[in-house]
Structure formats: structure tokens, C-alpha cells
Amino acid sequence: MNSLLGGRKNMSATLQSLERDMSEKQEALIIHTTKEYSIFKQMPGNRPLSEKHVLNLMKLLSRRNLLMCRPITVDENYVVFDGQHRLEAAKRLDLSICYVTVPGIKHTDAGMLNSCTDDWDFNEYLNFYTVKGHEEYVKLNEFIKNHNMTIARFYYMSSIEQKELFDEFFKLGEFFIYDDLNSYIEKIKKIDEICVTINQLIADGSFVFTDNFFKACFILISVKDFSMERFIEKAKIKSTMFVKKTGYKDYAYILSEIYNLKCKKSRVKVDVD
């Protein structure tokens, strides 16, 4: 018993010591700024830069520079452990990069550091601006809920112009709905009818309610002069073709094959790209 108590005391002392060390290091983390980009070094084994991510960051930073809120993390030798995309974007825009130095940080800490600093996804931004009362976000949130949608499905159905508004302004709180929502409603109704029909034809049709199947249905109903009657007629004949797949392109292929069944003169090409 004494040995056990002694072990607990030693553990408690060790934890207190670690907490003091961590507190001291946190106090030492000072945010620095510089335009001397050449001092920074790439961490060996780090993921390659994503040009798309860099360009998106540049768009955001051009509108509002919030680099001070997200300084990059480097070790005492200026090796970048977190923030290589922010660094590249700042460099191209000739902006001062903000950084904090963490002496003793190891390469093995990079994965944990990145997992703790994941960016918000669209759903989190939607919730944030909805709570803040931004009218367009409230409108979008209500539309998604009322039609049993997801923001991913809404984005996929969007026009090119609407997608650009998502990409450029959604995170900034300046997004607005450009498309006619009534056109979405008609498409949603058609997709729902397809999914319900297939689900009734096969034993396990749970996959028809996934995002991938939704995307495949959207591709199908987008073909010129799409006929729901024609599809349902063919679906009843070849219901065995409806099986679970891993991607939307596979589902789109199945739907197109069924839609074109015994229709040599009126076959349609379903574009999945």
C-alpha cells in the first residue's frame, strides 16, 4: 500500500512538473512577423503544396488579412511544422508572415499539430453565420433542412456562378444565394422519386440515400429531355442491376444503362466528368 501511495505521489509530482514546463513554454510563445521568407525551411516528409489551396488562401487574404490570427509554427531552426500553405500565399502576396517558434518540437509532432488545427468545413461556417443571423446563411440553412438536403448536395447542384460564390465568399460571411431555389426543388423531387422507386424494388436499397447516389441521379436527370416514366419502366425490368457501389460514377453508369435499355435510337449519353 505504501509503495502504491508513493508511486501515486511520484506520478503527481511528475504531472505537476510537466504542467509547469508547458506553462513556461506557452508564455514564451511570442508571435513574430517577417517578410524574410527565405529563412523558413520545409519539413522533411511534409505533404506537397496544393496549388488550389494556395490560390484559395490568396483570395481570402486579398480580401482580409488575418494571418496574425493563425501564425505558422516553426522550430528553432525555422523548419515549418504547420502553415506551409499560409507561408506560400503570404510570399506571393508580399505580406508579412506571422510565426511562433517552438523549441524542441519534433517531426513526429506535426501530425498531431495538424489534426488540432483542421479548418472548419462548410457546415461549421454555415452554423456559425446562421447563429450570427446572416440572412443568406439563415435562408440556406432553412432550405437544406426543409428539403432533407446536405450542403454538399446543394453545392453539387449549384450553377458555376453559385459555386464561385461558395468558394470565394462562404468563409468570409459574404455569401449570397444566386440561383433560383425553385429550380432546385424540382430537381430534388425528381431525385427523391428515383430513390424511393429503387428502394421499393430491391431488398436493401439503403445506398440510394447516400451522397454518391444523389450525385449520380442528378447527372441522370440533367440529360436533355429526361423522362421519369421511361426510367421507372426500365428500372422495373432491370432492378437486379441496382447494387451498392463505392463511387458516384459507378452509380451513374448503372442508371444510364438502365435508362438506355432497349433504346437504340433514343440512347442518351450521361456525362460523369
Protein backbone atom coordinates (compact mmCIF):
# COMPACT_ATOMS: atom_id res chain seq x y z
CA MET A 1 0.00 0.00 0.00
CA ASN A 2 2.82 2.41 0.92
CA SER A 3 4.51 1.55 -2.36
CA LEU A 4 1.33 2.30 -4.25
CA LEU A 5 0.86 5.64 -2.48
CA GLY A 6 4.48 6.51 -3.13
CA GLY A 7 4.02 5.74 -6.81
CA ARG A 8 0.97 7.97 -6.96
CA LYS A 9 2.86 10.82 -5.27
CA ASN A 10 5.73 10.48 -7.73
CA MET A 11 3.28 10.47 -10.66
CA SER A 12 1.52 13.54 -9.29
CA ALA A 13 4.81 15.36 -8.90
CA THR A 14 5.78 14.42 -12.46
CA LEU A 15 2.49 15.71 -13.85
CA GLN A 16 2.86 18.97 -11.93
CA SER A 17 6.36 19.35 -13.33
CA LEU A 18 5.12 18.76 -16.86
CA GLU A 19 2.36 21.33 -16.38
CA ARG A 20 4.89 23.91 -15.17
CA ASP A 21 7.14 23.22 -18.19
CA MET A 22 4.19 23.54 -20.56
CA SER A 23 3.07 26.77 -18.92
CA GLU A 24 6.55 28.24 -19.23
CA LYS A 25 6.73 27.29 -22.92
CA GLN A 26 3.32 28.80 -23.62
CA GLU A 27 4.40 32.06 -22.02
CA ALA A 28 7.48 32.04 -24.27
CA LEU A 29 5.44 31.68 -27.49
CA ILE A 30 5.67 35.16 -28.97
CA ILE A 31 4.19 35.97 -32.38
CA HIS A 32 6.86 37.31 -34.74
CA THR A 33 6.37 38.85 -38.18
CA THR A 34 8.75 38.96 -41.13
CA LYS A 35 8.98 39.19 -44.90
CA GLU A 36 12.25 37.27 -44.98
CA TYR A 37 10.61 34.18 -46.43
CA SER A 38 13.97 32.58 -47.25
CA ILE A 39 14.71 31.87 -43.58
CA PHE A 40 12.00 29.21 -43.45
CA LYS A 41 12.73 25.61 -44.32
CA GLN A 42 10.43 22.82 -45.45
CA MET A 43 9.93 19.97 -43.02
CA PRO A 44 11.27 16.69 -44.46
CA GLY A 45 8.43 14.38 -45.45
CA ASN A 46 5.77 17.10 -45.36
CA ARG A 47 2.94 16.88 -47.90
CA PRO A 48 3.48 18.70 -51.22
CA LEU A 49 1.95 22.13 -51.60
CA SER A 50 -1.56 22.16 -53.05
CA GLU A 51 -1.73 24.90 -55.68
CA LYS A 52 -5.52 25.05 -55.33
CA HIS A 53 -5.24 25.56 -51.57
CA VAL A 54 -2.62 28.28 -52.01
CA LEU A 55 -4.77 30.14 -54.55
CA ASN A 56 -7.83 29.94 -52.30
CA LEU A 57 -5.84 31.33 -49.40
CA MET A 58 -4.59 34.15 -51.60
CA LYS A 59 -8.17 35.11 -52.47
CA LEU A 60 -9.14 35.16 -48.82
CA LEU A 61 -6.05 37.11 -47.75
CA SER A 62 -6.55 39.63 -50.54
CA ARG A 63 -9.92 40.48 -49.06
CA ARG A 64 -8.93 40.36 -45.40
CA ASN A 65 -5.52 39.63 -43.93
CA LEU A 66 -5.99 37.52 -40.80
CA LEU A 67 -2.56 35.92 -40.74
CA MET A 68 -1.95 37.32 -37.26
CA CYS A 69 -4.77 35.08 -36.02
CA ARG A 70 -3.15 31.94 -37.45
CA PRO A 71 0.64 32.20 -37.15
CA ILE A 72 2.66 29.37 -38.64
CA THR A 73 4.64 27.10 -36.30
CA VAL A 74 8.42 26.61 -36.67
CA ASP A 75 11.22 25.10 -34.62
CA GLU A 76 14.36 26.92 -33.52
CA ASN A 77 15.88 26.30 -36.99
CA TYR A 78 12.87 27.81 -38.79
CA VAL A 79 11.64 24.46 -40.08
CA VAL A 80 7.90 24.85 -40.77
CA PHE A 81 5.78 22.30 -38.90
CA ASP A 82 2.41 23.89 -39.56
CA GLY A 83 1.38 26.54 -42.09
CA GLN A 84 3.37 25.94 -45.28
CA HIS A 85 0.36 26.96 -47.43
CA ARG A 86 -0.12 30.19 -45.47
CA LEU A 87 3.58 30.91 -45.88
CA GLU A 88 3.45 30.42 -49.66
CA ALA A 89 0.31 32.55 -50.00
CA ALA A 90 1.84 35.36 -47.94
CA LYS A 91 5.02 35.18 -50.00
CA ARG A 92 3.17 35.52 -53.31
CA LEU A 93 1.15 38.46 -52.00
CA ASP A 94 4.19 40.09 -50.38
CA LEU A 95 2.54 40.00 -46.96
CA SER A 96 4.34 39.70 -43.64
CA ILE A 97 4.07 36.15 -42.33
CA CYS A 98 3.38 35.64 -38.66
CA TYR A 99 5.11 32.78 -36.86
CA VAL A 100 5.75 31.31 -33.44
CA THR A 101 8.88 29.38 -32.52
CA VAL A 102 8.51 26.18 -30.52
CA PRO A 103 11.99 24.98 -29.48
CA GLY A 104 12.34 21.23 -29.32
CA ILE A 105 9.29 20.40 -31.43
CA LYS A 106 9.76 17.09 -33.25
CA HIS A 107 8.80 15.83 -36.68
CA THR A 108 6.55 13.28 -35.01
CA ASP A 109 4.53 16.16 -33.51
CA ALA A 110 3.49 17.50 -36.92
CA GLY A 111 0.61 15.07 -37.45
CA MET A 112 -0.88 15.83 -34.04
CA LEU A 113 -0.41 19.57 -34.59
CA ASN A 114 -2.22 19.48 -37.94
CA SER A 115 -5.05 17.36 -36.54
CA CYS A 116 -5.60 20.02 -33.87
CA THR A 117 -5.77 22.87 -36.41
CA ASP A 118 -8.13 21.49 -39.06
CA ASP A 119 -10.05 24.20 -40.90
CA TRP A 120 -13.79 24.45 -40.47
CA ASP A 121 -15.86 22.75 -43.11
CA PHE A 122 -18.85 24.35 -44.88
CA ASN A 123 -21.30 23.01 -42.28
CA GLU A 124 -19.42 24.70 -39.44
CA TYR A 125 -19.30 28.02 -41.28
CA LEU A 126 -23.00 27.70 -42.12
CA ASN A 127 -23.87 27.11 -38.47
CA PHE A 128 -21.63 29.98 -37.30
CA TYR A 129 -23.10 32.60 -39.63
CA THR A 130 -26.65 31.27 -39.15
CA VAL A 131 -26.33 31.76 -35.39
CA LYS A 132 -24.96 35.24 -36.07
CA GLY A 133 -28.13 35.99 -38.01
CA HIS A 134 -26.68 36.44 -41.50
CA GLU A 135 -29.81 36.45 -43.68
CA GLU A 136 -28.47 34.47 -46.66
CA TYR A 137 -26.98 31.78 -44.41
CA VAL A 138 -30.24 31.51 -42.47
CA LYS A 139 -32.11 31.14 -45.77
CA LEU A 140 -29.74 28.43 -46.98
CA ASN A 141 -29.86 26.59 -43.67
CA GLU A 142 -33.67 26.55 -43.69
CA PHE A 143 -33.78 25.36 -47.30
CA ILE A 144 -31.42 22.46 -46.57
CA LYS A 145 -33.38 21.36 -43.52
CA ASN A 146 -36.80 21.71 -45.17
CA HIS A 147 -35.79 19.56 -48.14
CA ASN A 148 -33.75 16.93 -46.28
CA MET A 149 -30.60 18.07 -48.06
CA THR A 150 -26.95 18.42 -47.16
CA ILE A 151 -24.77 21.38 -48.01
CA ALA A 152 -22.60 19.04 -50.12
CA ARG A 153 -25.63 18.14 -52.26
CA PHE A 154 -26.68 21.76 -52.56
CA TYR A 155 -23.17 22.67 -53.71
CA TYR A 156 -23.14 19.87 -56.27
CA MET A 157 -26.45 21.05 -57.75
CA SER A 158 -25.28 24.67 -57.91
CA SER A 159 -24.55 26.61 -61.06
CA ILE A 160 -20.98 27.63 -61.85
CA GLU A 161 -21.73 31.13 -60.55
CA GLN A 162 -23.16 29.79 -57.29
CA LYS A 163 -20.15 27.52 -56.78
CA GLU A 164 -17.85 30.51 -57.21
CA LEU A 165 -19.76 32.36 -54.50
CA PHE A 166 -19.31 29.35 -52.22
CA ASP A 167 -15.59 29.11 -52.92
CA GLU A 168 -14.78 32.81 -52.60
CA PHE A 169 -17.19 34.24 -50.05
CA PHE A 170 -18.72 31.50 -47.90
CA LYS A 171 -15.99 31.52 -45.26
CA LEU A 172 -15.97 35.31 -45.16
CA GLY A 173 -19.64 35.62 -44.28
CA GLU A 174 -20.41 37.40 -47.56
CA PHE A 175 -22.12 34.52 -49.38
CA PHE A 176 -25.49 35.03 -51.04
CA ILE A 177 -27.88 32.77 -52.95
CA TYR A 178 -27.62 33.45 -56.67
CA ASP A 179 -29.58 30.51 -58.12
CA ASP A 180 -33.36 30.20 -58.27
CA LEU A 181 -34.23 27.85 -55.40
CA ASN A 182 -37.41 26.74 -57.18
CA SER A 183 -35.25 25.04 -59.80
CA TYR A 184 -33.56 23.08 -57.01
CA ILE A 185 -36.92 21.95 -55.62
CA GLU A 186 -37.99 20.42 -58.95
CA LYS A 187 -34.71 18.54 -59.24
CA ILE A 188 -34.88 17.33 -55.64
CA LYS A 189 -38.38 15.97 -56.25
CA LYS A 190 -37.19 14.00 -59.28
CA ILE A 191 -34.23 12.56 -57.40
CA ASP A 192 -36.43 11.62 -54.45
CA GLU A 193 -38.82 9.82 -56.80
CA ILE A 194 -35.96 7.83 -58.34
CA CYS A 195 -34.57 6.86 -54.92
CA VAL A 196 -37.96 5.85 -53.47
CA THR A 197 -38.77 3.78 -56.57
CA ILE A 198 -35.49 1.88 -56.48
CA ASN A 199 -35.69 1.35 -52.73
CA GLN A 200 -39.07 -0.31 -53.22
CA LEU A 201 -37.76 -2.59 -55.98
CA ILE A 202 -34.83 -4.17 -54.13
CA ALA A 203 -34.29 -5.84 -50.75
CA ASP A 204 -31.65 -3.45 -49.40
CA GLY A 205 -31.75 -0.04 -51.03
CA SER A 206 -30.18 1.99 -48.25
CA PHE A 207 -27.36 3.04 -50.59
CA VAL A 208 -29.78 5.09 -52.71
CA PHE A 209 -29.90 7.70 -49.94
CA THR A 210 -26.14 8.38 -49.99
CA ASP A 211 -24.47 11.49 -51.41
CA ASN A 212 -22.82 9.44 -54.17
CA PHE A 213 -26.13 8.08 -55.39
CA PHE A 214 -27.66 11.55 -55.17
CA LYS A 215 -24.91 12.88 -57.45
CA ALA A 216 -25.50 10.06 -59.92
CA CYS A 217 -29.24 10.80 -60.00
CA PHE A 218 -28.55 14.48 -60.55
CA ILE A 219 -26.37 13.61 -63.54
CA LEU A 220 -29.16 11.43 -64.98
CA ILE A 221 -31.98 13.96 -64.61
CA SER A 222 -29.77 16.62 -66.17
CA VAL A 223 -29.74 14.89 -69.56
CA LYS A 224 -31.79 16.57 -72.27
CA ASP A 225 -35.49 15.66 -72.26
CA PHE A 226 -35.15 13.30 -69.31
CA SER A 227 -38.26 11.14 -68.90
CA MET A 228 -39.16 9.83 -65.44
CA GLU A 229 -41.72 7.43 -66.92
CA ARG A 230 -39.08 5.91 -69.19
CA PHE A 231 -36.64 5.44 -66.31
CA ILE A 232 -39.17 3.84 -63.94
CA GLU A 233 -40.34 1.45 -66.69
CA LYS A 234 -36.77 0.28 -67.36
CA ALA A 235 -35.91 0.16 -63.64
CA LYS A 236 -38.69 -2.36 -63.01
CA ILE A 237 -37.33 -4.59 -65.79
CA LYS A 238 -33.69 -4.49 -64.63
CA SER A 239 -33.93 -3.93 -60.87
CA THR A 240 -31.17 -6.52 -60.30
CA MET A 241 -28.66 -4.00 -61.65
CA PHE A 242 -29.13 -1.79 -58.60
CA VAL A 243 -26.28 -2.81 -56.30
CA LYS A 244 -24.10 -0.94 -53.82
CA LYS A 245 -21.03 0.75 -55.32
CA THR A 246 -18.23 2.92 -53.94
CA GLY A 247 -18.42 5.98 -56.19
CA TYR A 248 -20.97 8.17 -57.93
CA LYS A 249 -19.56 7.40 -61.39
CA ASP A 250 -20.36 3.70 -60.94
CA TYR A 251 -23.91 4.58 -59.95
CA ALA A 252 -24.23 6.98 -62.89
CA TYR A 253 -23.15 4.21 -65.25
CA ILE A 254 -25.81 1.84 -63.85
CA LEU A 255 -28.53 4.47 -64.10
CA SER A 256 -27.59 5.34 -67.68
CA GLU A 257 -27.51 1.69 -68.74
CA ILE A 258 -30.99 1.15 -67.32
CA TYR A 259 -32.31 4.37 -68.85
CA ASN A 260 -30.96 3.34 -72.29
CA LEU A 261 -32.20 -0.27 -72.05
CA LYS A 262 -33.63 -1.36 -75.43
CA CYS A 263 -33.45 2.19 -76.75
CA LYS A 264 -31.09 2.02 -79.71
CA LYS A 265 -32.49 5.09 -81.44
CA SER A 266 -33.04 7.22 -78.35
CA ARG A 267 -29.97 6.43 -76.28
CA VAL A 268 -28.62 9.32 -74.24
CA LYS A 269 -25.05 9.99 -73.20
CA VAL A 270 -24.62 10.55 -69.48
CA ASP A 271 -21.58 12.74 -68.81
CA VAL A 272 -19.99 11.82 -65.44
CA ASP A 273 -16.98 14.14 -65.72
